[in-house]
Amino acid sequence: MDPLAIDNPAELVAVKAAAIHAAMLQQSPHLRTPNFDIIGTCDVQLLFELYDRDFFAGWLSQTVRAKSAQPLAFRVSSAMSRAGGKTLHRLRIAPDGQRENFYQIAIASRLLFNTFADIQRPVEICGHLCQDRLQAMQRIMEHEIIHLTEILLWGKSSCKANRFKHLAHRIFAHAGTTHDLVTTREVAATRNAIQIGSIVQFVFKGTRHTGMVNRIHHRATVLVENPRGTRYANGKTYLKFYIPLRMLEPMEK
């Protein structure tokens, strides 16, 4: 199998992707519905294996084994807040002193679970509208597989480059390289009426504090004015708190 020779019509890609969608619901240990609420590393591995079989005739796994003493690793990340997935390649020094490759694909579970929940809006990934979380995870996996393919062939990958876009279009009929999954920042603004710059109250160790939201990740970073704090560019001193969104009470400025 030569991945550079693949040129799949969009209709064929759709048929194969639909078959993988159905196979996941039948074979996955955790995914029982398209909008699943549990996901494990084994589910990510199964999804990859189905794509490797149906689109690459096993070339991806075979090439990883040829280049690495370890099989491709998989990870589910609840910390990733912007990227839907991530493909990692690094060189490690083995106990015998030999250099060895390590490859890993990670999927961002927090973004998936934020999406197709109570915030209802169209979700487009890689130029395709997705109808459920499983379709969203498929588009993310397809994107990461292109990264892996480039890394295996050329040692590096960039989804901003024309080569990546060309491969993604020929193999998976992708029309783009970005996603609009529901982020934690969007959840905070929609569900909690909280955004960067919001004035909020919260209770920490029995004491009520008032501060300003400075950052939103999987928790909010809240700055509370205090003479014992760190001085910021505006000349004021703040203590920094990391607070779950559910513990914040928005206030009018």
Protein backbone atom coordinates (compact mmCIF):
# COMPACT_ATOMS: atom_id res chain seq x y z
CA MET A 1 0.00 0.00 0.00
CA ASP A 2 1.36 3.39 -1.03
CA PRO A 3 -0.58 6.14 0.79
CA LEU A 4 0.59 8.66 -1.77
CA ALA A 5 -1.28 6.73 -4.45
CA ILE A 6 -4.62 6.83 -2.62
CA ASP A 7 -7.27 8.96 -4.31
CA ASN A 8 -10.66 8.15 -2.82
CA PRO A 9 -13.85 9.65 -4.29
CA ALA A 10 -15.95 11.45 -1.69
CA GLU A 11 -18.75 8.90 -2.17
CA LEU A 12 -16.43 6.01 -1.31
CA VAL A 13 -15.10 7.82 1.75
CA ALA A 14 -18.66 8.37 2.98
CA VAL A 15 -19.53 4.67 2.56
CA LYS A 16 -16.40 3.50 4.37
CA ALA A 17 -16.81 6.05 7.18
CA ALA A 18 -20.45 4.99 7.69
CA ALA A 19 -19.38 1.35 7.91
CA ILE A 20 -16.76 2.26 10.53
CA HIS A 21 -19.40 4.24 12.46
CA ALA A 22 -21.62 1.14 12.56
CA ALA A 23 -18.71 -1.16 13.45
CA MET A 24 -17.73 1.05 16.39
CA LEU A 25 -21.22 0.82 17.87
CA GLN A 26 -21.13 -2.96 17.50
CA GLN A 27 -17.58 -3.66 18.67
CA SER A 28 -16.60 -0.89 21.08
CA PRO A 29 -16.55 -1.80 24.80
CA HIS A 30 -17.98 1.61 25.77
CA LEU A 31 -19.62 3.33 22.79
CA ARG A 32 -23.21 2.13 22.81
CA THR A 33 -24.81 5.18 21.19
CA PRO A 34 -23.52 7.76 18.68
CA ASN A 35 -23.56 10.39 21.45
CA PHE A 36 -21.65 8.24 23.91
CA ASP A 37 -20.75 9.53 27.37
CA ILE A 38 -17.92 7.10 28.17
CA ILE A 39 -14.75 6.59 26.16
CA GLY A 40 -11.61 4.59 26.84
CA THR A 41 -8.20 4.17 25.27
CA CYS A 42 -9.36 0.87 23.79
CA ASP A 43 -12.09 2.72 21.86
CA VAL A 44 -9.56 5.07 20.31
CA GLN A 45 -7.40 2.09 19.38
CA LEU A 46 -10.33 0.26 17.81
CA LEU A 47 -11.26 3.31 15.74
CA PHE A 48 -7.70 3.63 14.47
CA GLU A 49 -7.51 -0.07 13.61
CA LEU A 50 -10.74 0.11 11.60
CA TYR A 51 -9.42 3.07 9.61
CA ASP A 52 -6.03 1.43 9.12
CA ARG A 53 -7.74 -1.70 7.78
CA ASP A 54 -10.33 -0.06 5.55
CA PHE A 55 -8.30 2.84 4.14
CA PHE A 56 -4.66 1.69 4.36
CA ALA A 57 -4.81 -2.16 4.29
CA GLY A 58 -2.80 -2.17 7.54
CA TRP A 59 0.05 0.02 6.20
CA LEU A 60 0.00 2.41 9.19
CA SER A 61 0.44 -0.29 11.86
CA GLN A 62 2.99 -2.16 9.77
CA THR A 63 5.07 0.96 9.23
CA VAL A 64 4.96 1.94 12.91
CA ARG A 65 6.19 -1.56 13.83
CA ALA A 66 8.98 -1.28 11.27
CA LYS A 67 10.13 2.04 12.71
CA SER A 68 9.54 1.45 16.42
CA ALA A 69 10.12 -1.25 19.01
CA GLN A 70 6.68 -0.39 20.41
CA PRO A 71 3.24 -0.40 18.80
CA LEU A 72 1.36 2.84 18.27
CA ALA A 73 0.08 4.14 21.63
CA PHE A 74 -3.28 5.77 22.30
CA ARG A 75 -4.52 8.21 24.91
CA VAL A 76 -7.76 9.90 25.94
CA SER A 77 -7.07 13.41 27.23
CA SER A 78 -9.45 15.41 29.40
CA ALA A 79 -6.93 18.26 29.64
CA MET A 80 -6.73 19.21 25.94
CA SER A 81 -8.94 22.28 25.54
CA ARG A 82 -8.30 23.51 21.99
CA ALA A 83 -7.07 20.70 19.75
CA GLY A 84 -9.48 17.86 19.07
CA GLY A 85 -6.59 15.42 18.86
CA LYS A 86 -2.82 15.23 18.88
CA THR A 87 -0.25 12.98 17.23
CA LEU A 88 3.02 12.66 19.09
CA HIS A 89 6.35 11.46 17.75
CA ARG A 90 9.50 11.53 19.78
CA LEU A 91 12.86 9.81 19.85
CA ARG A 92 13.78 8.05 23.09
CA ILE A 93 17.01 6.46 24.28
CA ALA A 94 16.44 2.81 25.13
CA PRO A 95 18.21 1.13 28.10
CA ASP A 96 20.73 -0.35 25.65
CA GLY A 97 21.56 3.13 24.38
CA GLN A 98 19.77 2.74 21.07
CA ARG A 99 17.52 5.52 19.74
CA GLU A 100 13.94 4.40 19.25
CA ASN A 101 10.79 6.04 17.93
CA PHE A 102 7.64 6.46 19.96
CA TYR A 103 4.30 7.28 18.32
CA GLN A 104 1.02 8.18 20.00
CA ILE A 105 -2.44 9.47 19.03
CA ALA A 106 -4.53 11.30 21.64
CA ILE A 107 -8.20 12.29 21.47
CA ALA A 108 -9.63 15.23 23.48
CA SER A 109 -12.54 13.80 25.47
CA ARG A 110 -13.58 17.07 27.12
CA LEU A 111 -14.26 18.74 23.76
CA LEU A 112 -16.23 15.72 22.56
CA PHE A 113 -18.39 15.64 25.69
CA ASN A 114 -18.99 19.39 25.52
CA THR A 115 -20.33 18.88 22.00
CA PHE A 116 -23.78 17.48 21.14
CA ALA A 117 -24.88 18.15 24.70
CA ASP A 118 -27.14 21.04 25.77
CA ILE A 119 -25.49 23.56 23.42
CA GLN A 120 -27.19 22.95 20.10
CA ARG A 121 -25.48 24.30 16.98
CA PRO A 122 -23.93 22.94 13.78
CA VAL A 123 -20.56 21.28 14.30
CA GLU A 124 -18.12 21.25 11.40
CA ILE A 125 -14.84 19.34 11.47
CA CYS A 126 -12.38 19.20 8.56
CA GLY A 127 -15.02 20.78 6.33
CA HIS A 128 -17.72 18.20 7.15
CA LEU A 129 -20.86 18.68 9.24
CA CYS A 130 -21.05 16.09 12.02
CA GLN A 131 -24.30 14.71 13.39
CA ASP A 132 -23.03 13.10 16.60
CA ARG A 133 -19.97 12.60 18.81
CA LEU A 134 -18.87 9.46 17.05
CA GLN A 135 -18.80 11.22 13.69
CA ALA A 136 -16.85 14.05 15.33
CA MET A 137 -14.33 11.57 16.74
CA GLN A 138 -14.03 9.96 13.30
CA ARG A 139 -13.15 13.28 11.66
CA ILE A 140 -10.60 13.96 14.41
CA MET A 141 -9.07 10.51 13.98
CA GLU A 142 -8.88 11.02 10.21
CA HIS A 143 -7.04 14.29 10.78
CA GLU A 144 -4.57 12.66 13.19
CA ILE A 145 -4.03 9.76 10.79
CA ILE A 146 -2.86 12.24 8.16
CA HIS A 147 -0.41 13.66 10.72
CA LEU A 148 0.84 10.13 11.43
CA THR A 149 1.15 9.36 7.74
CA GLU A 150 3.28 12.45 7.14
CA ILE A 151 5.45 11.68 10.17
CA LEU A 152 6.03 8.11 9.02
CA LEU A 153 6.92 9.24 5.51
CA TRP A 154 8.82 12.48 6.15
CA GLY A 155 9.46 12.72 9.91
CA LYS A 156 7.33 15.83 10.42
CA SER A 157 3.82 17.12 9.79
CA SER A 158 1.93 20.40 9.60
CA CYS A 159 -1.78 20.71 8.90
CA LYS A 160 -1.18 24.27 7.70
CA ALA A 161 0.95 23.06 4.80
CA ASN A 162 -0.36 22.23 1.34
CA ARG A 163 1.04 18.70 1.45
CA PHE A 164 -1.13 17.86 4.47
CA LYS A 165 -4.23 19.41 2.92
CA HIS A 166 -3.62 17.52 -0.32
CA LEU A 167 -3.29 14.16 1.47
CA ALA A 168 -6.34 14.83 3.66
CA HIS A 169 -8.44 15.64 0.62
CA ARG A 170 -7.30 12.64 -1.44
CA ILE A 171 -7.60 10.09 1.37
CA PHE A 172 -10.56 11.36 3.42
CA ALA A 173 -12.18 14.01 1.17
CA HIS A 174 -11.50 16.67 3.81
CA ALA A 175 -12.29 20.21 2.77
CA GLY A 176 -10.60 21.85 5.77
CA THR A 177 -8.21 21.23 8.65
CA THR A 178 -9.98 22.84 11.62
CA HIS A 179 -12.82 21.98 14.00
CA ASP A 180 -15.52 23.95 15.82
CA LEU A 181 -16.16 21.58 18.70
CA VAL A 182 -17.74 23.22 21.75
CA THR A 183 -14.92 24.57 23.92
CA THR A 184 -14.90 25.05 27.67
CA ARG A 185 -14.89 28.79 27.06
CA GLU A 186 -18.10 28.49 25.04
CA VAL A 187 -19.66 26.32 27.75
CA ALA A 188 -18.77 28.92 30.36
CA ALA A 189 -20.32 31.74 28.33
CA THR A 190 -23.47 29.82 27.42
CA ARG A 191 -24.24 27.76 30.49
CA ASN A 192 -22.66 29.89 33.21
CA ALA A 193 -22.79 33.41 31.71
CA ILE A 194 -19.06 33.67 32.39
CA GLN A 195 -16.35 34.86 30.04
CA ILE A 196 -12.87 36.35 30.29
CA GLY A 197 -13.18 39.65 32.14
CA SER A 198 -16.32 38.59 34.06
CA ILE A 199 -16.53 39.61 37.73
CA VAL A 200 -17.40 36.56 39.81
CA GLN A 201 -17.79 35.44 43.41
CA PHE A 202 -16.73 32.08 44.84
CA VAL A 203 -16.11 30.41 48.19
CA PHE A 204 -12.64 29.02 48.85
CA LYS A 205 -11.84 27.32 52.19
CA GLY A 206 -14.87 28.93 53.79
CA THR A 207 -14.09 32.47 52.64
CA ARG A 208 -16.04 34.31 49.94
CA HIS A 209 -13.93 36.09 47.34
CA THR A 210 -14.68 38.44 44.47
CA GLY A 211 -12.42 38.51 41.46
CA MET A 212 -12.05 38.73 37.69
CA VAL A 213 -11.87 35.77 35.32
CA ASN A 214 -8.49 35.90 33.58
CA ARG A 215 -8.51 32.57 31.75
CA ILE A 216 -10.87 29.68 31.08
CA HIS A 217 -9.45 26.19 30.65
CA HIS A 218 -10.99 23.13 32.29
CA ARG A 219 -11.13 25.47 35.30
CA ALA A 220 -11.28 29.25 35.44
CA THR A 221 -8.31 31.33 36.54
CA VAL A 222 -9.68 34.08 38.80
CA LEU A 223 -7.62 37.07 39.94
CA VAL A 224 -8.53 38.51 43.34
CA GLU A 225 -7.05 41.85 44.39
CA ASN A 226 -4.85 41.39 47.46
CA PRO A 227 -1.79 43.31 48.72
CA ARG A 228 -0.01 39.98 49.27
CA GLY A 229 -0.46 38.98 45.65
CA THR A 230 1.65 39.26 42.50
CA ARG A 231 1.87 42.62 40.76
CA TYR A 232 0.44 42.69 37.24
CA ALA A 233 0.97 45.09 34.32
CA ASN A 234 -1.94 47.30 35.45
CA GLY A 235 -0.07 48.03 38.70
CA LYS A 236 -2.46 46.04 40.91
CA THR A 237 -1.58 42.97 42.96
CA TYR A 238 -3.66 39.79 42.69
CA LEU A 239 -3.90 36.36 44.23
CA LYS A 240 -4.59 33.69 41.62
CA PHE A 241 -7.25 31.01 42.13
CA TYR A 242 -8.12 28.01 39.93
CA ILE A 243 -11.84 27.41 40.39
CA PRO A 244 -14.27 24.96 38.72
CA LEU A 245 -16.85 26.83 36.65
CA ARG A 246 -19.73 25.38 38.68
CA MET A 247 -18.41 27.17 41.80
CA LEU A 248 -18.45 30.64 40.21
CA GLU A 249 -21.30 33.12 40.60
CA PRO A 250 -21.28 35.84 37.93
CA MET A 251 -21.84 39.39 39.10
CA GLU A 252 -22.74 42.53 37.23
CA LYS A 253 -19.82 44.91 36.83
